[in-house]
């Protein structure tokens, strides 16, 4: 829901170490800043001001930073007031005729909320107003167990939400620990999607040679986590049985690098060249080594959309979901595609601030 209202700051302020005084004497010369939040910080507190060209200035037309009537610096609280409410140390802007209470001619002349994602300044009937959309932002990071929301004063806060990250692995339990994603490994349980084998070290395996409760069917034997024929564990090379090297290749487990092979299927890394199992590279046309997709992810270039991934760092879009890279969108809270900023500019409808 979008609410529109004129933004007034009416909080009460007490004297404290964070309240801004100018103990050196003389009228207010202007608090310096880089962003608007600097104007109400632990170092200085000038209520009702925004950062304009490095100085904290009143955003409401017709108001200036001054002491209240009957008070003078440094023993007062400085904040934005109309000239007729200022004390004797009135700023130079108050000399002569007071500025009108309105005076804006376009939205560009009106400041927006502290966070530009929450709304914009509007010029209505010659007076500036702040339009704020209170509630969740359209742009969110999926699966981070959080939700970014705009408050009624135009600031963005992050709150815990049950936004579970799907890592695409059937042998993990995806959940949120308050505002932190967790993908806990399942161990010893039946693989919940395939229904075949059991989960072991976050992988669905046929058997575990150290676990007698997971025997192989049909007279096969367990070699690590694979069910193979008896000749695959006899410590001999049996070429007549299809082995390409000692206890590997063919119907046995894949062979490591340097062992003999006939095809890529005989090799642990899926690459057989000149009859020898080779090391993985980023150009061999096979998903192997630490890659998350075919010749992409981890040590190789990032994967295009639909390529495999474990985190957004594996993807050109910076977004990984359910084990696959996602195409860029204007709501994924990541600067990607042709965007000029995070979900703004380029093909996105939202304009980038600044």
Protein backbone atom coordinates (compact mmCIF):
# COMPACT_ATOMS: atom_id res chain seq x y z
CA UNK A 1 0.00 0.00 0.00
CA UNK A 2 1.27 3.47 -0.87
CA UNK A 3 0.61 6.24 1.59
CA UNK A 4 1.24 9.90 0.84
CA UNK A 5 1.75 12.45 3.53
CA UNK A 6 3.71 15.54 4.35
CA UNK A 7 6.74 14.47 6.34
CA UNK A 8 7.19 16.33 9.63
CA UNK A 9 9.62 15.35 12.35
CA UNK A 10 8.06 16.01 15.75
CA UNK A 11 10.15 13.87 18.06
CA UNK A 12 11.26 15.22 21.45
CA UNK A 13 14.98 15.46 21.97
CA UNK A 14 16.82 15.47 25.28
CA UNK A 15 20.27 16.76 26.03
CA UNK A 16 22.80 13.97 25.57
CA UNK A 17 26.23 13.32 24.22
CA UNK A 18 24.70 12.74 20.77
CA UNK A 19 22.86 16.12 20.67
CA UNK A 20 24.64 18.67 18.49
CA UNK A 21 25.76 21.92 20.11
CA UNK A 22 28.14 24.51 18.72
CA UNK A 23 30.23 25.33 21.78
CA UNK A 24 32.63 27.56 19.86
CA UNK A 25 30.03 30.37 19.80
CA UNK A 26 28.51 32.29 16.90
CA UNK A 27 25.50 31.43 14.75
CA UNK A 28 25.00 28.00 13.20
CA UNK A 29 27.41 27.48 10.32
CA UNK A 30 26.04 24.16 9.00
CA UNK A 31 26.70 20.55 9.91
CA UNK A 32 28.68 18.64 7.30
CA UNK A 33 27.54 15.31 5.87
CA UNK A 34 27.95 12.76 3.11
CA UNK A 35 24.48 11.18 3.33
CA UNK A 36 21.27 12.21 5.08
CA UNK A 37 21.77 9.72 7.91
CA UNK A 38 24.87 11.73 8.93
CA UNK A 39 22.56 14.60 9.93
CA UNK A 40 20.97 12.48 12.68
CA UNK A 41 23.83 10.34 13.94
CA UNK A 42 25.86 9.75 17.06
CA UNK A 43 28.13 12.62 16.03
CA UNK A 44 25.51 15.29 15.29
CA UNK A 45 21.77 15.63 15.57
CA UNK A 46 19.98 18.23 13.49
CA UNK A 47 16.34 17.09 13.33
CA UNK A 48 14.45 17.86 10.14
CA UNK A 49 17.51 18.17 7.90
CA UNK A 50 18.75 16.29 4.86
CA UNK A 51 22.18 16.23 3.25
CA UNK A 52 22.45 18.74 0.38
CA UNK A 53 25.84 19.37 -1.24
CA UNK A 54 27.67 18.25 1.91
CA UNK A 55 25.62 20.32 4.38
CA UNK A 56 22.65 19.41 6.60
CA UNK A 57 19.82 21.66 5.40
CA UNK A 58 16.11 21.81 6.22
CA UNK A 59 14.12 19.99 3.58
CA UNK A 60 10.84 21.84 4.28
CA UNK A 61 10.67 25.17 2.41
CA UNK A 62 10.55 28.19 4.70
CA UNK A 63 12.40 26.52 7.57
CA UNK A 64 15.93 27.11 8.81
CA UNK A 65 18.19 25.57 11.45
CA UNK A 66 18.00 27.72 14.56
CA UNK A 67 17.40 27.87 18.34
CA UNK A 68 13.83 28.25 19.58
CA UNK A 69 12.57 31.76 20.45
CA UNK A 70 14.01 32.87 23.80
CA UNK A 71 17.06 30.63 23.47
CA UNK A 72 20.53 31.16 22.03
CA UNK A 73 23.55 29.08 21.13
CA UNK A 74 25.26 27.06 22.43
CA UNK A 75 22.73 26.28 25.15
CA UNK A 76 19.90 25.17 22.89
CA UNK A 77 18.77 22.32 20.68
CA UNK A 78 19.12 23.21 17.01
CA UNK A 79 16.45 22.00 14.64
CA UNK A 80 14.39 23.17 11.67
CA UNK A 81 11.94 25.98 12.51
CA UNK A 82 10.14 28.81 10.69
CA UNK A 83 12.00 32.13 11.01
CA UNK A 84 9.33 33.59 13.31
CA UNK A 85 10.00 30.78 15.82
CA UNK A 86 13.78 31.30 15.89
CA UNK A 87 15.69 32.82 18.79
CA UNK A 88 17.98 35.83 18.65
CA UNK A 89 20.74 33.97 16.74
CA UNK A 90 18.62 33.92 13.59
CA UNK A 91 20.39 32.72 10.40
CA UNK A 92 21.02 35.18 7.59
CA UNK A 93 18.22 33.56 5.59
CA UNK A 94 15.75 35.09 8.03
CA UNK A 95 16.72 38.70 7.29
CA UNK A 96 14.14 40.69 5.33
CA UNK A 97 11.01 38.97 4.09
CA UNK A 98 10.59 35.33 5.23
CA UNK A 99 10.62 32.69 2.53
CA UNK A 100 7.19 31.31 1.52
CA UNK A 101 6.01 28.05 3.07
CA UNK A 102 5.56 26.53 -0.36
CA UNK A 103 7.33 27.34 -3.56
CA UNK A 104 8.20 24.10 -5.34
CA UNK A 105 7.52 23.88 -9.07
CA UNK A 106 8.35 20.23 -9.79
CA UNK A 107 8.96 16.87 -8.09
CA UNK A 108 12.68 17.30 -8.78
CA UNK A 109 12.80 20.15 -6.25
CA UNK A 110 11.41 17.95 -3.45
CA UNK A 111 13.59 15.55 -1.42
CA UNK A 112 12.44 11.97 -1.00
CA UNK A 113 12.59 9.67 2.04
CA UNK A 114 15.94 8.65 3.61
CA UNK A 115 15.98 5.52 1.41
CA UNK A 116 15.05 6.15 -2.23
CA UNK A 117 13.67 2.61 -2.54
CA UNK A 118 10.80 3.59 -0.24
CA UNK A 119 9.31 6.39 -2.32
CA UNK A 120 9.92 9.87 -3.67
CA UNK A 121 9.41 13.56 -3.07
CA UNK A 122 6.35 15.12 -4.74
CA UNK A 123 5.39 18.73 -5.45
CA UNK A 124 1.68 19.10 -4.66
CA UNK A 125 0.01 22.49 -5.04
CA UNK A 126 3.36 24.22 -4.68
CA UNK A 127 4.36 22.38 -1.50
CA UNK A 128 6.73 19.41 -1.10
CA UNK A 129 5.36 16.15 0.23
CA UNK A 130 6.99 12.76 0.73
CA UNK A 131 5.33 9.73 -0.81
CA UNK A 132 6.28 6.51 0.98
CA UNK A 133 5.33 2.93 0.12
CA UNK A 134 5.22 1.18 3.50
CA UNK A 135 5.85 -2.58 3.54
CA UNK A 136 8.00 -5.21 1.76
CA UNK A 137 10.19 -4.10 -1.13
CA UNK A 138 9.48 -5.65 -4.50
CA UNK A 139 13.18 -6.44 -4.85
CA UNK A 140 14.22 -9.26 -2.49
CA UNK A 141 17.06 -11.78 -2.20
CA UNK A 142 15.40 -15.18 -2.54
CA UNK A 143 16.14 -17.76 0.13
CA UNK A 144 17.98 -15.51 2.61
CA UNK A 145 15.46 -16.03 5.47
CA UNK A 146 14.90 -12.26 5.53
CA UNK A 147 12.56 -9.66 4.12
CA UNK A 148 13.46 -6.03 3.45
CA UNK A 149 10.66 -3.61 4.34
CA UNK A 150 10.11 0.14 4.22
CA UNK A 151 9.09 1.75 7.49
CA UNK A 152 6.61 4.63 7.68
CA UNK A 153 9.49 7.09 7.99
CA UNK A 154 11.02 5.89 4.72
CA UNK A 155 13.85 3.70 5.96
CA UNK A 156 14.59 0.09 4.97
CA UNK A 157 14.81 -2.55 7.69
CA UNK A 158 15.48 -6.28 7.36
CA UNK A 159 13.23 -8.63 9.33
CA UNK A 160 13.33 -12.41 9.73
CA UNK A 161 11.08 -14.33 7.34
CA UNK A 162 10.54 -18.00 6.50
CA UNK A 163 12.20 -17.68 3.10
CA UNK A 164 13.93 -21.06 2.80
CA UNK A 165 16.78 -21.53 0.33
CA UNK A 166 16.37 -24.53 -1.96
CA UNK A 167 19.84 -25.88 -2.73
CA UNK A 168 18.53 -28.55 -5.12
CA UNK A 169 19.94 -31.42 -3.06
CA UNK A 170 17.50 -34.14 -1.97
CA UNK A 171 19.89 -35.14 0.81
CA UNK A 172 19.74 -31.85 2.72
CA UNK A 173 17.02 -30.39 4.91
CA UNK A 174 16.40 -26.79 3.84
CA UNK A 175 15.23 -24.50 6.65
CA UNK A 176 15.67 -21.15 8.38
CA UNK A 177 17.32 -20.68 11.75
CA UNK A 178 15.59 -17.37 12.53
CA UNK A 179 17.21 -15.15 9.86
CA UNK A 180 19.95 -17.56 8.70
CA UNK A 181 19.55 -20.19 5.93
CA UNK A 182 20.58 -23.73 6.83
CA UNK A 183 20.88 -26.75 4.52
CA UNK A 184 21.47 -29.54 7.04
CA UNK A 185 22.82 -32.85 5.71
CA UNK A 186 20.59 -35.92 5.94
CA UNK A 187 22.39 -39.13 6.86
CA UNK A 188 21.22 -42.74 6.69
CA UNK A 189 17.69 -41.96 5.49
CA UNK A 190 16.20 -43.18 2.22
CA UNK A 191 16.74 -40.71 -0.61
CA UNK A 192 13.46 -38.75 -0.39
CA UNK A 193 13.03 -37.97 -4.12
CA UNK A 194 14.53 -40.92 -5.99
CA UNK A 195 13.53 -43.45 -3.32
CA UNK A 196 16.61 -45.52 -4.21
CA UNK A 197 19.66 -45.73 -1.96
CA UNK A 198 20.34 -43.65 1.12
CA UNK A 199 21.70 -40.24 1.92
CA UNK A 200 25.39 -40.19 2.88
CA UNK A 201 27.48 -37.02 3.22
CA UNK A 202 24.81 -35.03 1.36
CA UNK A 203 24.74 -37.47 -1.56
CA UNK A 204 22.31 -40.20 -2.56
CA UNK A 205 24.41 -43.41 -2.71
CA UNK A 206 23.73 -47.04 -3.59
CA UNK A 207 25.51 -48.45 -0.56
CA UNK A 208 28.07 -47.73 2.15
CA UNK A 209 30.77 -50.41 2.44
CA UNK A 210 31.16 -49.72 6.17
CA UNK A 211 27.42 -50.06 6.85
CA UNK A 212 26.08 -53.65 6.80
CA UNK A 213 22.52 -52.35 6.96
CA UNK A 214 22.86 -51.16 3.35
CA UNK A 215 23.67 -54.32 1.36
CA UNK A 216 23.72 -54.38 -2.45
CA UNK A 217 20.98 -56.38 -4.25
CA UNK A 218 21.31 -59.30 -6.69
CA UNK A 219 24.65 -60.61 -5.38
CA UNK A 220 26.52 -57.36 -6.06
CA UNK A 221 29.12 -56.07 -3.60
CA UNK A 222 29.68 -52.58 -2.24
CA UNK A 223 32.83 -50.77 -3.36
CA UNK A 224 32.81 -47.50 -1.43
CA UNK A 225 29.33 -46.25 -2.27
CA UNK A 226 28.71 -48.17 -5.54
CA UNK A 227 27.24 -51.63 -6.05
CA UNK A 228 29.54 -53.61 -8.39
CA UNK A 229 30.26 -57.17 -9.44
CA UNK A 230 32.56 -59.44 -7.40
CA UNK A 231 35.46 -59.24 -9.86
CA UNK A 232 35.61 -55.45 -9.28
CA UNK A 233 37.05 -55.95 -5.78
CA UNK A 234 39.47 -58.86 -6.33
CA UNK A 235 42.56 -56.63 -6.78
CA UNK A 236 43.18 -57.97 -10.29
CA UNK A 237 42.78 -56.65 -13.79
CA UNK A 238 40.05 -58.68 -15.47
CA UNK A 239 39.81 -57.33 -19.04
CA UNK A 240 37.53 -60.18 -20.02
CA UNK A 241 34.96 -58.85 -17.58
CA UNK A 242 35.04 -55.34 -19.07
CA UNK A 243 37.53 -53.77 -16.68
CA UNK A 244 39.90 -51.27 -18.33
CA UNK A 245 42.38 -51.29 -15.44
CA UNK A 246 42.72 -52.86 -11.99
CA UNK A 247 39.24 -53.06 -10.41
CA UNK A 248 37.95 -50.05 -12.39
CA UNK A 249 36.32 -49.09 -15.64
CA UNK A 250 33.48 -50.87 -17.44
CA UNK A 251 31.04 -52.39 -14.91
CA UNK A 252 33.30 -51.37 -11.99
CA UNK A 253 33.81 -47.97 -10.39
CA UNK A 254 35.37 -45.27 -12.63
CA UNK A 255 39.15 -45.17 -12.85
CA UNK A 256 41.24 -42.30 -11.43
CA UNK A 257 43.54 -40.13 -13.57
CA UNK A 258 46.40 -42.00 -15.26
CA UNK A 259 44.58 -45.33 -15.46
CA UNK A 260 43.65 -47.06 -18.74
CA UNK A 261 40.24 -46.42 -20.27
CA UNK A 262 38.18 -47.05 -23.38
CA UNK A 263 35.64 -44.19 -23.05
CA UNK A 264 35.01 -41.25 -20.75
CA UNK A 265 32.54 -43.38 -18.79
CA UNK A 266 35.49 -45.46 -17.55
CA UNK A 267 37.05 -42.38 -15.86
CA UNK A 268 36.30 -40.63 -12.60
CA UNK A 269 36.58 -37.22 -14.31
CA UNK A 270 34.76 -38.39 -17.46
CA UNK A 271 37.68 -37.69 -19.81
CA UNK A 272 39.49 -40.48 -21.70
CA UNK A 273 42.19 -39.33 -24.13
CA UNK A 274 44.49 -41.71 -26.00
CA UNK A 275 43.36 -44.55 -23.72
CA UNK A 276 44.28 -42.71 -20.51
CA UNK A 277 42.01 -41.04 -17.91
CA UNK A 278 42.88 -37.33 -17.90
CA UNK A 279 42.67 -34.43 -15.44
CA UNK A 280 39.63 -32.14 -15.69
CA UNK A 281 39.87 -28.81 -17.56
CA UNK A 282 37.44 -25.96 -18.25
CA UNK A 283 37.28 -26.89 -21.94
CA UNK A 284 36.77 -30.67 -21.95
CA UNK A 285 32.99 -30.59 -22.43
CA UNK A 286 32.35 -32.54 -19.22
CA UNK A 287 31.13 -31.52 -15.77
CA UNK A 288 34.01 -32.63 -13.59
CA UNK A 289 36.47 -31.53 -10.95
CA UNK A 290 35.04 -28.70 -8.82
CA UNK A 291 32.80 -27.44 -11.64
CA UNK A 292 29.12 -26.87 -10.89
CA UNK A 293 28.11 -27.09 -14.57
CA UNK A 294 29.69 -28.23 -17.81
CA UNK A 295 32.99 -26.31 -17.97
CA UNK A 296 31.62 -23.54 -15.75
CA UNK A 297 31.30 -22.57 -12.10
CA UNK A 298 33.87 -22.70 -9.27
CA UNK A 299 37.37 -22.54 -10.90
CA UNK A 300 35.93 -22.03 -14.42
CA UNK A 301 33.96 -19.07 -15.85
CA UNK A 302 30.52 -18.46 -14.38
CA UNK A 303 27.60 -20.51 -15.68
CA UNK A 304 24.87 -19.06 -17.90
CA UNK A 305 21.19 -19.43 -16.87
CA UNK A 306 20.19 -23.11 -16.46
CA UNK A 307 23.80 -24.08 -15.76
CA UNK A 308 24.57 -25.86 -12.50
CA UNK A 309 25.54 -23.99 -9.34
CA UNK A 310 25.92 -24.19 -5.59
CA UNK A 311 25.92 -20.42 -4.91
CA UNK A 312 25.23 -17.23 -6.85
CA UNK A 313 29.00 -16.81 -7.35
CA UNK A 314 28.82 -19.68 -9.89
CA UNK A 315 26.34 -17.79 -12.10
CA UNK A 316 26.60 -14.91 -14.57
CA UNK A 317 23.36 -13.58 -13.08
CA UNK A 318 24.59 -13.95 -9.50
CA UNK A 319 21.43 -15.93 -8.67
CA UNK A 320 21.40 -19.69 -7.90
CA UNK A 321 18.20 -21.56 -7.05
CA UNK A 322 17.59 -25.32 -6.67
CA UNK A 323 21.03 -26.06 -8.10
CA UNK A 324 20.53 -24.07 -11.33
CA UNK A 325 21.53 -20.55 -12.39
CA UNK A 326 18.54 -18.24 -12.83
CA UNK A 327 18.14 -15.58 -15.55
CA UNK A 328 18.35 -11.94 -14.40
CA UNK A 329 15.13 -10.26 -13.24
CA UNK A 330 14.22 -6.78 -11.99
CA UNK A 331 13.21 -8.14 -8.56
CA UNK A 332 16.15 -10.39 -7.53
CA UNK A 333 18.03 -7.73 -5.49
CA UNK A 334 21.17 -8.31 -7.60
CA UNK A 335 22.73 -5.98 -10.19
CA UNK A 336 22.73 -8.16 -13.28
CA UNK A 337 21.67 -8.23 -16.92
CA UNK A 338 21.81 -4.73 -18.38
CA UNK A 339 20.84 -2.96 -15.13
CA UNK A 340 22.63 0.28 -14.17
CA UNK A 341 22.03 -0.44 -10.48
CA UNK A 342 20.38 -3.09 -8.34
CA UNK A 343 17.07 -3.81 -10.12
CA UNK A 344 16.98 -0.38 -11.73
CA UNK A 345 17.82 1.15 -15.07
CA UNK A 346 18.29 -0.75 -18.33
CA UNK A 347 15.27 -2.98 -18.97
CA UNK A 348 13.86 -2.41 -15.49
CA UNK A 349 11.04 0.08 -14.94
CA UNK A 350 12.56 1.48 -11.74
CA UNK A 351 14.82 4.49 -12.15
CA UNK A 352 18.17 4.41 -10.37
CA UNK A 353 18.63 7.08 -7.66
CA UNK A 354 21.20 9.80 -8.09
